[in-house]
C-alpha atoms as a PDB file:
ATOM      1  CA  UNK A   1      63.437-190.449 189.040  1.00  0.00           C
ATOM      2  CA  UNK A   2      63.760-189.759 192.769  1.00  0.00           C
ATOM      3  CA  UNK A   3      61.404-186.985 193.905  1.00  0.00           C
ATOM      4  CA  UNK A   4      61.391-184.581 196.807  1.00  0.00           C
ATOM      5  CA  UNK A   5      58.478-186.578 198.270  1.00  0.00           C
ATOM      6  CA  UNK A   6      60.655-189.719 198.240  1.00  0.00           C
ATOM      7  CA  UNK A   7      63.311-187.867 200.231  1.00  0.00           C
ATOM      8  CA  UNK A   8      60.686-186.626 202.678  1.00  0.00           C
ATOM      9  CA  UNK A   9      59.412-190.159 203.335  1.00  0.00           C
ATOM     10  CA  UNK A  10      62.964-191.524 203.799  1.00  0.00           C
ATOM     11  CA  UNK A  11      63.883-188.735 206.241  1.00  0.00           C
ATOM     12  CA  UNK A  12      60.546-188.783 208.060  1.00  0.00           C
ATOM     13  CA  UNK A  13      59.797-185.105 207.397  1.00  0.00           C
ATOM     14  CA  UNK A  14      57.461-183.070 205.242  1.00  0.00           C
ATOM     15  CA  UNK A  15      58.120-182.207 201.628  1.00  0.00           C
ATOM     16  CA  UNK A  16      58.300-178.532 202.650  1.00  0.00           C
ATOM     17  CA  UNK A  17      61.096-179.316 205.096  1.00  0.00           C
ATOM     18  CA  UNK A  18      63.076-180.982 202.320  1.00  0.00           C
ATOM     19  CA  UNK A  19      62.469-177.913 200.161  1.00  0.00           C
ATOM     20  CA  UNK A  20      63.698-175.645 202.961  1.00  0.00           C
ATOM     21  CA  UNK A  21      66.906-177.675 203.297  1.00  0.00           C
ATOM     22  CA  UNK A  22      67.512-177.681 199.553  1.00  0.00           C
ATOM     23  CA  UNK A  23      66.832-173.978 199.010  1.00  0.00           C
ATOM     24  CA  UNK A  24      68.313-172.741 202.278  1.00  0.00           C
ATOM     25  CA  UNK A  25      65.679-169.994 202.421  1.00  0.00           C
ATOM     26  CA  UNK A  26      64.183-171.096 205.741  1.00  0.00           C
ATOM     27  CA  UNK A  27      66.137-172.316 208.721  1.00  0.00           C
ATOM     28  CA  UNK A  28      65.832-176.002 209.643  1.00  0.00           C
ATOM     29  CA  UNK A  29      67.008-177.591 212.881  1.00  0.00           C
ATOM     30  CA  UNK A  30      70.546-178.933 212.358  1.00  0.00           C
ATOM     31  CA  UNK A  31      69.636-182.557 213.247  1.00  0.00           C
ATOM     32  CA  UNK A  32      66.657-182.479 210.904  1.00  0.00           C
ATOM     33  CA  UNK A  33      68.693-180.922 208.109  1.00  0.00           C
ATOM     34  CA  UNK A  34      71.368-183.580 208.587  1.00  0.00           C
ATOM     35  CA  UNK A  35      68.749-186.319 208.341  1.00  0.00           C
ATOM     36  CA  UNK A  36      67.416-184.820 205.107  1.00  0.00           C
ATOM     37  CA  UNK A  37      70.883-184.594 203.597  1.00  0.00           C
ATOM     38  CA  UNK A  38      71.570-188.238 204.454  1.00  0.00           C
ATOM     39  CA  UNK A  39      68.319-189.201 202.677  1.00  0.00           C
ATOM     40  CA  UNK A  40      69.292-187.083 199.676  1.00  0.00           C
ATOM     41  CA  UNK A  41      72.661-188.860 199.469  1.00  0.00           C
ATOM     42  CA  UNK A  42      71.204-192.331 199.951  1.00  0.00           C
ATOM     43  CA  UNK A  43      68.523-191.851 197.292  1.00  0.00           C
ATOM     44  CA  UNK A  44      70.698-189.856 194.899  1.00  0.00           C
ATOM     45  CA  UNK A  45      68.162-187.050 194.721  1.00  0.00           C
ATOM     46  CA  UNK A  46      69.065-184.231 192.324  1.00  0.00           C
ATOM     47  CA  UNK A  47      66.986-181.005 192.700  1.00  0.00           C
ATOM     48  CA  UNK A  48      65.307-179.708 189.561  1.00  0.00           C
ATOM     49  CA  UNK A  49      67.169-176.420 189.362  1.00  0.00           C
ATOM     50  CA  UNK A  50      65.017-175.024 186.559  1.00  0.00           C
ATOM     51  CA  UNK A  51      61.772-175.643 188.448  1.00  0.00           C
ATOM     52  CA  UNK A  52      63.279-174.327 191.652  1.00  0.00           C
ATOM     53  CA  UNK A  53      64.464-171.131 190.000  1.00  0.00           C
ATOM     54  CA  UNK A  54      61.015-170.533 188.474  1.00  0.00           C
ATOM     55  CA  UNK A  55      59.388-171.028 191.864  1.00  0.00           C
ATOM     56  CA  UNK A  56      61.788-168.935 193.892  1.00  0.00           C
ATOM     57  CA  UNK A  57      63.023-166.380 191.364  1.00  0.00           C
ATOM     58  CA  UNK A  58      66.548-167.446 192.232  1.00  0.00           C
ATOM     59  CA  UNK A  59      69.019-169.723 190.490  1.00  0.00           C
ATOM     60  CA  UNK A  60      71.319-169.819 193.547  1.00  0.00           C
ATOM     61  CA  UNK A  61      74.157-169.381 191.055  1.00  0.00           C
ATOM     62  CA  UNK A  62      76.885-166.745 191.407  1.00  0.00           C
ATOM     63  CA  UNK A  63      79.170-165.701 188.590  1.00  0.00           C
ATOM     64  CA  UNK A  64      82.877-165.068 189.176  1.00  0.00           C
ATOM     65  CA  UNK A  65      85.158-163.110 186.861  1.00  0.00           C
ATOM     66  CA  UNK A  66      88.900-163.656 187.229  1.00  0.00           C
ATOM     67  CA  UNK A  67      91.655-162.625 184.779  1.00  0.00           C
ATOM     68  CA  UNK A  68      93.140-166.150 184.841  1.00  0.00           C
ATOM     69  CA  UNK A  69      93.320-169.333 186.843  1.00  0.00           C
ATOM     70  CA  UNK A  70      96.961-169.791 185.842  1.00  0.00           C
ATOM     71  CA  UNK A  71      98.381-168.085 188.933  1.00  0.00           C
ATOM     72  CA  UNK A  72      98.405-169.324 192.509  1.00  0.00           C
ATOM     73  CA  UNK A  73      96.654-166.177 193.713  1.00  0.00           C
ATOM     74  CA  UNK A  74      93.588-166.560 191.498  1.00  0.00           C
ATOM     75  CA  UNK A  75      93.536-170.375 191.787  1.00  0.00           C
ATOM     76  CA  UNK A  76      93.293-170.077 195.596  1.00  0.00           C
ATOM     77  CA  UNK A  77      90.714-167.306 195.271  1.00  0.00           C
ATOM     78  CA  UNK A  78      88.494-169.412 193.002  1.00  0.00           C
ATOM     79  CA  UNK A  79      88.691-172.436 195.315  1.00  0.00           C
ATOM     80  CA  UNK A  80      87.786-170.416 198.394  1.00  0.00           C
ATOM     81  CA  UNK A  81      84.899-168.626 196.645  1.00  0.00           C
ATOM     82  CA  UNK A  82      83.531-171.983 195.528  1.00  0.00           C
ATOM     83  CA  UNK A  83      83.837-173.461 199.007  1.00  0.00           C
ATOM     84  CA  UNK A  84      82.157-170.441 200.632  1.00  0.00           C
ATOM     85  CA  UNK A  85      79.304-170.470 198.124  1.00  0.00           C
ATOM     86  CA  UNK A  86      78.824-174.212 198.538  1.00  0.00           C
ATOM     87  CA  UNK A  87      78.452-173.751 202.289  1.00  0.00           C
ATOM     88  CA  UNK A  88      75.578-171.357 201.589  1.00  0.00           C
ATOM     89  CA  UNK A  89      73.927-173.658 199.033  1.00  0.00           C
ATOM     90  CA  UNK A  90      75.048-171.659 195.990  1.00  0.00           C
ATOM     91  CA  UNK A  91      76.738-172.746 192.784  1.00  0.00           C
ATOM     92  CA  UNK A  92      79.692-171.091 191.016  1.00  0.00           C
ATOM     93  CA  UNK A  93      79.785-170.120 187.344  1.00  0.00           C
ATOM     94  CA  UNK A  94      83.439-169.246 186.566  1.00  0.00           C
ATOM     95  CA  UNK A  95      84.470-166.938 183.748  1.00  0.00           C
ATOM     96  CA  UNK A  96      88.045-166.002 182.858  1.00  0.00           C
ATOM     97  CA  UNK A  97      88.462-162.600 181.225  1.00  0.00           C
ATOM     98  CA  UNK A  98      92.075-163.256 180.071  1.00  0.00           C
ATOM     99  CA  UNK A  99      92.607-159.545 180.767  1.00  0.00           C
ATOM    100  CA  UNK A 100      90.328-158.675 177.837  1.00  0.00           C
ATOM    101  CA  UNK A 101      87.594-156.122 178.277  1.00  0.00           C
ATOM    102  CA  UNK A 102      85.787-157.428 175.198  1.00  0.00           C
ATOM    103  CA  UNK A 103      85.815-160.960 176.611  1.00  0.00           C
ATOM    104  CA  UNK A 104      84.484-159.630 179.934  1.00  0.00           C
ATOM    105  CA  UNK A 105      81.659-157.859 178.119  1.00  0.00           C
ATOM    106  CA  UNK A 106      80.664-161.089 176.327  1.00  0.00           C
ATOM    107  CA  UNK A 107      80.731-162.998 179.590  1.00  0.00           C
ATOM    108  CA  UNK A 108      78.536-160.365 181.218  1.00  0.00           C
ATOM    109  CA  UNK A 109      75.920-160.732 178.490  1.00  0.00           C
ATOM    110  CA  UNK A 110      76.038-164.488 178.910  1.00  0.00           C
ATOM    111  CA  UNK A 111      75.554-164.259 182.666  1.00  0.00           C
ATOM    112  CA  UNK A 112      72.541-161.994 182.217  1.00  0.00           C
ATOM    113  CA  UNK A 113      70.913-164.554 179.901  1.00  0.00           C
ATOM    114  CA  UNK A 114      71.600-167.317 182.437  1.00  0.00           C
ATOM    115  CA  UNK A 115      69.952-165.294 185.226  1.00  0.00           C
ATOM    116  CA  UNK A 116      72.675-165.583 187.840  1.00  0.00           C
ATOM    117  CA  UNK A 117      71.817-164.160 191.233  1.00  0.00           C
ATOM    118  CA  UNK A 118      75.000-162.091 191.620  1.00  0.00           C
ATOM    119  CA  UNK A 119      78.470-161.456 190.182  1.00  0.00           C
ATOM    120  CA  UNK A 120      81.853-161.209 191.872  1.00  0.00           C
ATOM    121  CA  UNK A 121      84.613-159.524 189.847  1.00  0.00           C
ATOM    122  CA  UNK A 122      88.134-160.327 191.044  1.00  0.00           C
ATOM    123  CA  UNK A 123      91.026-158.361 189.580  1.00  0.00           C
ATOM    124  CA  UNK A 124      90.742-155.087 187.694  1.00  0.00           C
ATOM    125  CA  UNK A 125      92.978-155.584 184.643  1.00  0.00           C
ATOM    126  CA  UNK A 126      91.346-154.178 181.479  1.00  0.00           C
ATOM    127  CA  UNK A 127      87.965-153.859 183.181  1.00  0.00           C
ATOM    128  CA  UNK A 128      87.877-150.230 184.265  1.00  0.00           C
ATOM    129  CA  UNK A 129      86.259-149.103 180.991  1.00  0.00           C
ATOM    130  CA  UNK A 130      83.472-151.593 181.566  1.00  0.00           C
ATOM    131  CA  UNK A 131      82.336-150.449 184.985  1.00  0.00           C
ATOM    132  CA  UNK A 132      79.256-148.745 183.429  1.00  0.00           C
ATOM    133  CA  UNK A 133      78.208-152.165 182.079  1.00  0.00           C
ATOM    134  CA  UNK A 134      78.512-153.636 185.581  1.00  0.00           C
ATOM    135  CA  UNK A 135      76.399-150.800 186.972  1.00  0.00           C
ATOM    136  CA  UNK A 136      73.637-151.728 184.490  1.00  0.00           C
ATOM    137  CA  UNK A 137      73.724-155.404 185.438  1.00  0.00           C
ATOM    138  CA  UNK A 138      70.422-156.979 186.508  1.00  0.00           C
ATOM    139  CA  UNK A 139      71.990-158.519 189.585  1.00  0.00           C
ATOM    140  CA  UNK A 140      74.192-157.354 192.485  1.00  0.00           C
ATOM    141  CA  UNK A 141      77.892-156.924 191.740  1.00  0.00           C
ATOM    142  CA  UNK A 142      80.806-156.927 194.193  1.00  0.00           C
ATOM    143  CA  UNK A 143      84.504-156.403 193.560  1.00  0.00           C
ATOM    144  CA  UNK A 144      87.474-158.264 194.998  1.00  0.00           C
ATOM    145  CA  UNK A 145      91.260-157.710 194.822  1.00  0.00           C
ATOM    146  CA  UNK A 146      91.084-154.453 192.861  1.00  0.00           C
ATOM    147  CA  UNK A 147      94.229-152.294 192.930  1.00  0.00           C
ATOM    148  CA  UNK A 148      92.706-149.311 191.122  1.00  0.00           C
ATOM    149  CA  UNK A 149      89.965-146.964 192.296  1.00  0.00           C
ATOM    150  CA  UNK A 150      86.416-148.165 191.743  1.00  0.00           C
ATOM    151  CA  UNK A 151      83.076-146.336 192.154  1.00  0.00           C
ATOM    152  CA  UNK A 152      81.815-146.477 195.738  1.00  0.00           C
ATOM    153  CA  UNK A 153      78.473-147.909 194.603  1.00  0.00           C
ATOM    154  CA  UNK A 154      80.032-151.363 194.387  1.00  0.00           C
ATOM    155  CA  UNK A 155      80.801-153.248 197.605  1.00  0.00           C
ATOM    156  CA  UNK A 156      84.428-154.274 197.552  1.00  0.00           C
ATOM    157  CA  UNK A 157      87.030-156.316 199.412  1.00  0.00           C
ATOM    158  CA  UNK A 158      90.620-155.518 198.650  1.00  0.00           C
ATOM    159  CA  UNK A 159      94.096-155.348 200.203  1.00  0.00           C
ATOM    160  CA  UNK A 160      96.222-152.396 201.180  1.00  0.00           C
ATOM    161  CA  UNK A 161      98.611-152.990 198.297  1.00  0.00           C
ATOM    162  CA  UNK A 162     100.622-149.851 199.042  1.00  0.00           C
ATOM    163  CA  UNK A 163     101.222-151.029 202.601  1.00  0.00           C
ATOM    164  CA  UNK A 164     102.623-154.293 201.195  1.00  0.00           C
ATOM    165  CA  UNK A 165     105.174-152.320 199.242  1.00  0.00           C
ATOM    166  CA  UNK A 166     105.925-150.274 202.340  1.00  0.00           C
ATOM    167  CA  UNK A 167     106.590-153.429 204.373  1.00  0.00           C
ATOM    168  CA  UNK A 168     108.972-154.712 201.694  1.00  0.00           C
ATOM    169  CA  UNK A 169     110.795-151.393 201.515  1.00  0.00           C
ATOM    170  CA  UNK A 170     111.168-151.022 205.255  1.00  0.00           C
ATOM    171  CA  UNK A 171     112.523-154.566 205.497  1.00  0.00           C
ATOM    172  CA  UNK A 172     115.266-153.910 202.953  1.00  0.00           C
ATOM    173  CA  UNK A 173     115.930-150.415 204.304  1.00  0.00           C
ATOM    174  CA  UNK A 174     116.364-151.729 207.837  1.00  0.00           C
ATOM    175  CA  UNK A 175     118.781-154.344 206.542  1.00  0.00           C
ATOM    176  CA  UNK A 176     120.991-151.494 205.374  1.00  0.00           C
ATOM    177  CA  UNK A 177     120.232-151.581 201.661  1.00  0.00           C
ATOM    178  CA  UNK A 178     120.626-148.188 200.016  1.00  0.00           C
ATOM    179  CA  UNK A 179     121.023-149.220 196.361  1.00  0.00           C
ATOM    180  CA  UNK A 180     117.913-150.998 195.168  1.00  0.00           C
ATOM    181  CA  UNK A 181     116.176-151.936 191.930  1.00  0.00           C
ATOM    182  CA  UNK A 182     112.437-152.516 191.416  1.00  0.00           C
ATOM    183  CA  UNK A 183     110.904-154.864 188.843  1.00  0.00           C
ATOM    184  CA  UNK A 184     107.209-154.063 188.534  1.00  0.00           C
ATOM    185  CA  UNK A 185     104.150-154.853 186.516  1.00  0.00           C
ATOM    186  CA  UNK A 186     102.574-151.654 185.139  1.00  0.00           C
ATOM    187  CA  UNK A 187      99.409-152.504 187.110  1.00  0.00           C
ATOM    188  CA  UNK A 188     101.305-152.436 190.414  1.00  0.00           C
ATOM    189  CA  UNK A 189     101.836-148.689 190.835  1.00  0.00           C
ATOM    190  CA  UNK A 190     100.603-148.744 194.424  1.00  0.00           C
ATOM    191  CA  UNK A 191     103.026-151.481 195.418  1.00  0.00           C
ATOM    192  CA  UNK A 192     105.883-149.417 193.968  1.00  0.00           C
ATOM    193  CA  UNK A 193     104.671-146.246 195.676  1.00  0.00           C
ATOM    194  CA  UNK A 194     104.626-147.959 199.057  1.00  0.00           C
ATOM    195  CA  UNK A 195     108.123-149.334 198.501  1.00  0.00           C
ATOM    196  CA  UNK A 196     109.490-145.932 197.613  1.00  0.00           C
ATOM    197  CA  UNK A 197     107.796-144.327 200.614  1.00  0.00           C
ATOM    198  CA  UNK A 198     109.763-146.613 202.922  1.00  0.00           C
ATOM    199  CA  UNK A 199     112.951-144.928 201.787  1.00  0.00           C
ATOM    200  CA  UNK A 200     111.626-141.366 201.797  1.00  0.00           C
ATOM    201  CA  UNK A 201     110.676-141.904 205.437  1.00  0.00           C
ATOM    202  CA  UNK A 202     114.419-141.866 206.135  1.00  0.00           C
ATOM    203  CA  UNK A 203     115.251-139.049 203.748  1.00  0.00           C
ATOM    204  CA  UNK A 204     116.390-141.326 200.921  1.00  0.00           C
ATOM    205  CA  UNK A 205     114.918-142.077 197.501  1.00  0.00           C
ATOM    206  CA  UNK A 206     114.536-144.809 194.982  1.00  0.00           C
ATOM    207  CA  UNK A 207     115.515-143.221 191.691  1.00  0.00           C
ATOM    208  CA  UNK A 208     113.198-143.313 188.696  1.00  0.00           C
ATOM    209  CA  UNK A 209     115.746-145.048 186.513  1.00  0.00           C
ATOM    210  CA  UNK A 210     115.939-147.912 189.025  1.00  0.00           C
ATOM    211  CA  UNK A 211     112.242-148.774 188.612  1.00  0.00           C
ATOM    212  CA  UNK A 212     111.839-151.095 185.654  1.00  0.00           C
ATOM    213  CA  UNK A 213     108.324-151.915 184.440  1.00  0.00           C
ATOM    214  CA  UNK A 214     108.028-155.384 182.978  1.00  0.00           C
ATOM    215  CA  UNK A 215     105.033-155.437 180.629  1.00  0.00           C
ATOM    216  CA  UNK A 216     105.018-159.208 180.166  1.00  0.00           C
ATOM    217  CA  UNK A 217     104.571-161.031 183.517  1.00  0.00           C
ATOM    218  CA  UNK A 218     106.840-163.930 182.579  1.00  0.00           C
ATOM    219  CA  UNK A 219     109.991-165.544 183.920  1.00  0.00           C
ATOM    220  CA  UNK A 220     111.908-164.743 180.709  1.00  0.00           C
ATOM    221  CA  UNK A 221     110.951-161.067 180.716  1.00  0.00           C
ATOM    222  CA  UNK A 222     111.903-160.771 184.407  1.00  0.00           C
ATOM    223  CA  UNK A 223     115.212-162.553 183.818  1.00  0.00           C
ATOM    224  CA  UNK A 224     116.125-160.168 181.002  1.00  0.00           C
ATOM    225  CA  UNK A 225     115.089-157.042 182.952  1.00  0.00           C
ATOM    226  CA  UNK A 226     116.998-158.101 186.064  1.00  0.00           C
ATOM    227  CA  UNK A 227     120.082-159.072 184.059  1.00  0.00           C
ATOM    228  CA  UNK A 228     120.109-155.633 182.445  1.00  0.00           C
ATOM    229  CA  UNK A 229     119.632-153.840 185.776  1.00  0.00           C
ATOM    230  CA  UNK A 230     122.375-155.776 187.570  1.00  0.00           C
ATOM    231  CA  UNK A 231     124.829-155.107 184.731  1.00  0.00           C
ATOM    232  CA  UNK A 232     123.908-151.410 184.536  1.00  0.00           C
ATOM    233  CA  UNK A 233     123.977-150.820 188.312  1.00  0.00           C
ATOM    234  CA  UNK A 234     126.655-153.063 189.851  1.00  0.00           C
ATOM    235  CA  UNK A 235     126.336-151.254 193.194  1.00  0.00           C
ATOM    236  CA  UNK A 236     122.793-152.588 193.709  1.00  0.00           C
ATOM    237  CA  UNK A 237     122.423-154.882 196.718  1.00  0.00           C
ATOM    238  CA  UNK A 238     118.665-155.496 196.757  1.00  0.00           C
ATOM    239  CA  UNK A 239     115.781-156.019 194.364  1.00  0.00           C
ATOM    240  CA  UNK A 240     112.052-155.753 194.980  1.00  0.00           C
ATOM    241  CA  UNK A 241     109.683-157.545 192.581  1.00  0.00           C
ATOM    242  CA  UNK A 242     105.981-156.734 192.606  1.00  0.00           C
ATOM    243  CA  UNK A 243     105.057-160.296 191.537  1.00  0.00           C
ATOM    244  CA  UNK A 244     106.459-163.689 192.384  1.00  0.00           C
ATOM    245  CA  UNK A 245     107.290-164.647 188.797  1.00  0.00           C
ATOM    246  CA  UNK A 246     109.334-161.445 188.492  1.00  0.00           C
ATOM    247  CA  UNK A 247     111.221-162.377 191.674  1.00  0.00           C
ATOM    248  CA  UNK A 248     112.074-165.883 190.483  1.00  0.00           C
ATOM    249  CA  UNK A 249     113.381-164.479 187.195  1.00  0.00           C
ATOM    250  CA  UNK A 250     115.494-161.993 189.113  1.00  0.00           C
ATOM    251  CA  UNK A 251     117.051-164.721 191.292  1.00  0.00           C
ATOM    252  CA  UNK A 252     118.022-166.691 188.203  1.00  0.00           C
ATOM    253  CA  UNK A 253     119.494-163.552 186.638  1.00  0.00           C
ATOM    254  CA  UNK A 254     121.546-162.899 189.782  1.00  0.00           C
ATOM    255  CA  UNK A 255     122.892-166.448 189.760  1.00  0.00           C
ATOM    256  CA  UNK A 256     123.755-166.153 186.072  1.00  0.00           C
ATOM    257  CA  UNK A 257     125.737-163.016 186.959  1.00  0.00           C
ATOM    258  CA  UNK A 258     127.598-164.966 189.717  1.00  0.00           C
ATOM    259  CA  UNK A 259     125.809-163.055 192.454  1.00  0.00           C
ATOM    260  CA  UNK A 260     124.641-165.120 195.392  1.00  0.00           C
ATOM    261  CA  UNK A 261     121.214-164.536 196.925  1.00  0.00           C
ATOM    262  CA  UNK A 262     121.041-163.125 199.590  1.00  0.00           C
ATOM    263  CA  UNK A 263     124.759-162.495 200.221  1.00  0.00           C
ATOM    264  CA  UNK A 264     125.344-160.399 197.085  1.00  0.00           C
ATOM    265  CA  UNK A 265     121.721-159.531 196.312  1.00  0.00           C
ATOM    266  CA  UNK A 266     118.642-159.585 198.509  1.00  0.00           C
ATOM    267  CA  UNK A 267     115.348-160.272 196.742  1.00  0.00           C
ATOM    268  CA  UNK A 268     111.847-159.577 198.093  1.00  0.00           C
ATOM    269  CA  UNK A 269     108.742-160.787 196.249  1.00  0.00           C
ATOM    270  CA  UNK A 270     105.044-160.017 196.400  1.00  0.00           C
ATOM    271  CA  UNK A 271     101.984-162.386 196.463  1.00  0.00           C
ATOM    272  CA  UNK A 272     103.734-165.398 198.074  1.00  0.00           C
ATOM    273  CA  UNK A 273     102.909-168.160 195.627  1.00  0.00           C
ATOM    274  CA  UNK A 274     103.043-171.715 197.016  1.00  0.00           C
ATOM    275  CA  UNK A 275     106.542-172.222 195.557  1.00  0.00           C
ATOM    276  CA  UNK A 276     107.853-169.304 197.631  1.00  0.00           C
ATOM    277  CA  UNK A 277     108.793-171.322 200.708  1.00  0.00           C
ATOM    278  CA  UNK A 278     110.233-174.215 198.660  1.00  0.00           C
ATOM    279  CA  UNK A 279     112.109-172.123 196.088  1.00  0.00           C
ATOM    280  CA  UNK A 280     115.833-171.976 196.786  1.00  0.00           C
ATOM    281  CA  UNK A 281     116.602-169.758 198.457  1.00  0.00           C
ATOM    282  CA  UNK A 282     113.160-169.593 200.030  1.00  0.00           C
ATOM    283  CA  UNK A 283     111.558-166.303 199.067  1.00  0.00           C
ATOM    284  CA  UNK A 284     110.901-163.397 201.403  1.00  0.00           C
ATOM    285  CA  UNK A 285     107.520-162.156 200.247  1.00  0.00           C
ATOM    286  CA  UNK A 286     104.546-159.885 200.930  1.00  0.00           C
ATOM    287  CA  UNK A 287     101.654-162.222 201.709  1.00  0.00           C
ATOM    288  CA  UNK A 288      98.090-161.374 200.717  1.00  0.00           C
ATOM    289  CA  UNK A 289      95.169-162.897 202.681  1.00  0.00           C
ATOM    290  CA  UNK A 290      93.560-164.238 199.511  1.00  0.00           C
ATOM    291  CA  UNK A 291      91.357-166.833 201.154  1.00  0.00           C
ATOM    292  CA  UNK A 292      90.090-164.308 203.722  1.00  0.00           C
ATOM    293  CA  UNK A 293      89.448-161.892 200.857  1.00  0.00           C
ATOM    294  CA  UNK A 294      87.408-164.492 199.005  1.00  0.00           C
ATOM    295  CA  UNK A 295      85.205-165.333 202.002  1.00  0.00           C
ATOM    296  CA  UNK A 296      84.657-161.699 202.893  1.00  0.00           C
ATOM    297  CA  UNK A 297      83.700-160.897 199.289  1.00  0.00           C
ATOM    298  CA  UNK A 298      81.222-163.799 199.147  1.00  0.00           C
ATOM    299  CA  UNK A 299      79.662-162.551 202.381  1.00  0.00           C
ATOM    300  CA  UNK A 300      79.226-159.071 200.879  1.00  0.00           C
ATOM    301  CA  UNK A 301      77.768-160.457 197.703  1.00  0.00           C
ATOM    302  CA  UNK A 302      75.253-162.778 199.345  1.00  0.00           C
ATOM    303  CA  UNK A 303      74.133-159.935 201.596  1.00  0.00           C
ATOM    304  CA  UNK A 304      73.544-157.805 198.500  1.00  0.00           C
ATOM    305  CA  UNK A 305      71.690-160.662 196.742  1.00  0.00           C
ATOM    306  CA  UNK A 306      69.419-161.052 199.780  1.00  0.00           C
ATOM    307  CA  UNK A 307      68.740-157.306 199.939  1.00  0.00           C
ATOM    308  CA  UNK A 308      70.706-156.851 203.163  1.00  0.00           C
ATOM    309  CA  UNK A 309      72.820-153.743 203.713  1.00  0.00           C
ATOM    310  CA  UNK A 310      76.347-154.745 204.794  1.00  0.00           C
ATOM    311  CA  UNK A 311      77.695-152.926 207.827  1.00  0.00           C
ATOM    312  CA  UNK A 312      81.016-152.368 206.044  1.00  0.00           C
ATOM    313  CA  UNK A 313      80.537-152.371 202.236  1.00  0.00           C
ATOM    314  CA  UNK A 314      84.193-151.487 201.554  1.00  0.00           C
ATOM    315  CA  UNK A 315      86.782-153.612 203.302  1.00  0.00           C
ATOM    316  CA  UNK A 316      90.548-153.287 203.056  1.00  0.00           C
ATOM    317  CA  UNK A 317      92.535-156.149 204.553  1.00  0.00           C
ATOM    318  CA  UNK A 318      96.154-155.810 205.677  1.00  0.00           C
ATOM    319  CA  UNK A 319      98.993-157.710 203.987  1.00  0.00           C
ATOM    320  CA  UNK A 320     101.911-159.235 205.860  1.00  0.00           C
ATOM    321  CA  UNK A 321     105.604-159.776 205.191  1.00  0.00           C
ATOM    322  CA  UNK A 322     107.088-163.240 205.641  1.00  0.00           C
ATOM    323  CA  UNK A 323     110.869-163.116 205.925  1.00  0.00           C
ATOM    324  CA  UNK A 324     112.687-166.136 204.564  1.00  0.00           C
ATOM    325  CA  UNK A 325     116.159-166.798 203.112  1.00  0.00           C
ATOM    326  CA  UNK A 326     116.227-164.535 200.042  1.00  0.00           C
ATOM    327  CA  UNK A 327     116.902-161.329 201.993  1.00  0.00           C
ATOM    328  CA  UNK A 328     119.772-160.411 204.293  1.00  0.00           C
ATOM    329  CA  UNK A 329     122.024-157.521 205.354  1.00  0.00           C
ATOM    330  CA  UNK A 330     123.459-155.298 202.660  1.00  0.00           C
ATOM    331  CA  UNK A 331     126.757-156.511 201.244  1.00  0.00           C
ATOM    332  CA  UNK A 332     129.792-154.216 201.268  1.00  0.00           C
ATOM    333  CA  UNK A 333     129.672-153.146 197.650  1.00  0.00           C
ATOM    334  CA  UNK A 334     130.798-149.887 196.112  1.00  0.00           C
ATOM    335  CA  UNK A 335     128.164-147.216 195.711  1.00  0.00           C
ATOM    336  CA  UNK A 336     127.157-143.618 196.130  1.00  0.00           C
ATOM    337  CA  UNK A 337     125.455-141.873 199.011  1.00  0.00           C
ATOM    338  CA  UNK A 338     121.778-142.210 198.018  1.00  0.00           C
ATOM    339  CA  UNK A 339     119.332-145.073 197.599  1.00  0.00           C
ATOM    340  CA  UNK A 340     118.827-146.047 193.994  1.00  0.00           C
END
């Protein structure tokens, strides 16, 4: 078995220098650190993580809770968190909650027994009731991508979700759309509120009966909800979906109803999954800075794990709107005088 002393001899440094490179606790000159890493690769040295954690009191492992890895948003978030941790010499232990508070509680108990250094919780579905458990955790906890209010004791990186809805609403409003429908996940109340505010800014409103909450975030559920809305409100010229999968279902429903997007119906999505630009027509969407969120959250968490007070423990990043082919000027369709 290759030892740390073997690496030290190959690199021409002391054993302590190798330890400093491996643990990252003490700074090492970049050229020396590079020489040590080359020796590690050449010899195939694998640090004894158990011995190192006993010696340092740190496992250099960070837990990450996400609801799922089945969406582009969380897949990108996981990748960026892993990359950022790797750059700081930390390992990732990934847990999916599947939007189950009970599953999250079991994961939390497991992380405690594994002695992780810190925990990042991304996404707030079904976890609000378990915040007291997080507060009692034996390691620092940070939150990322939460849309609901969380206690200020947790450092957090999130996005101004309401502003994203506002950007979408202003875009459709400025294109002349007065008759709109919203397809929304029940968890996306802030996105809907921002969208509605865009119309009240101009003295108009989005009627309550034109906001349809889709409880199952699936293409089929979105298709059915959009098909119903378009049949019930033929005057509608635009649709806002608070999630990409809802938007793609709506486009298919419009096409099934012989309505062309964007000439008969403009569609604006939220989250900007990778298929957005390649979907036909390419999807106008609110874009969230998910990779920036991940890196900022890792920075907060590692500061907390090291006992450092972050200058800004609560960070809200701005979303953006990318206009593509799925939205255009309002068509000349029959309708009343108010938005709805």
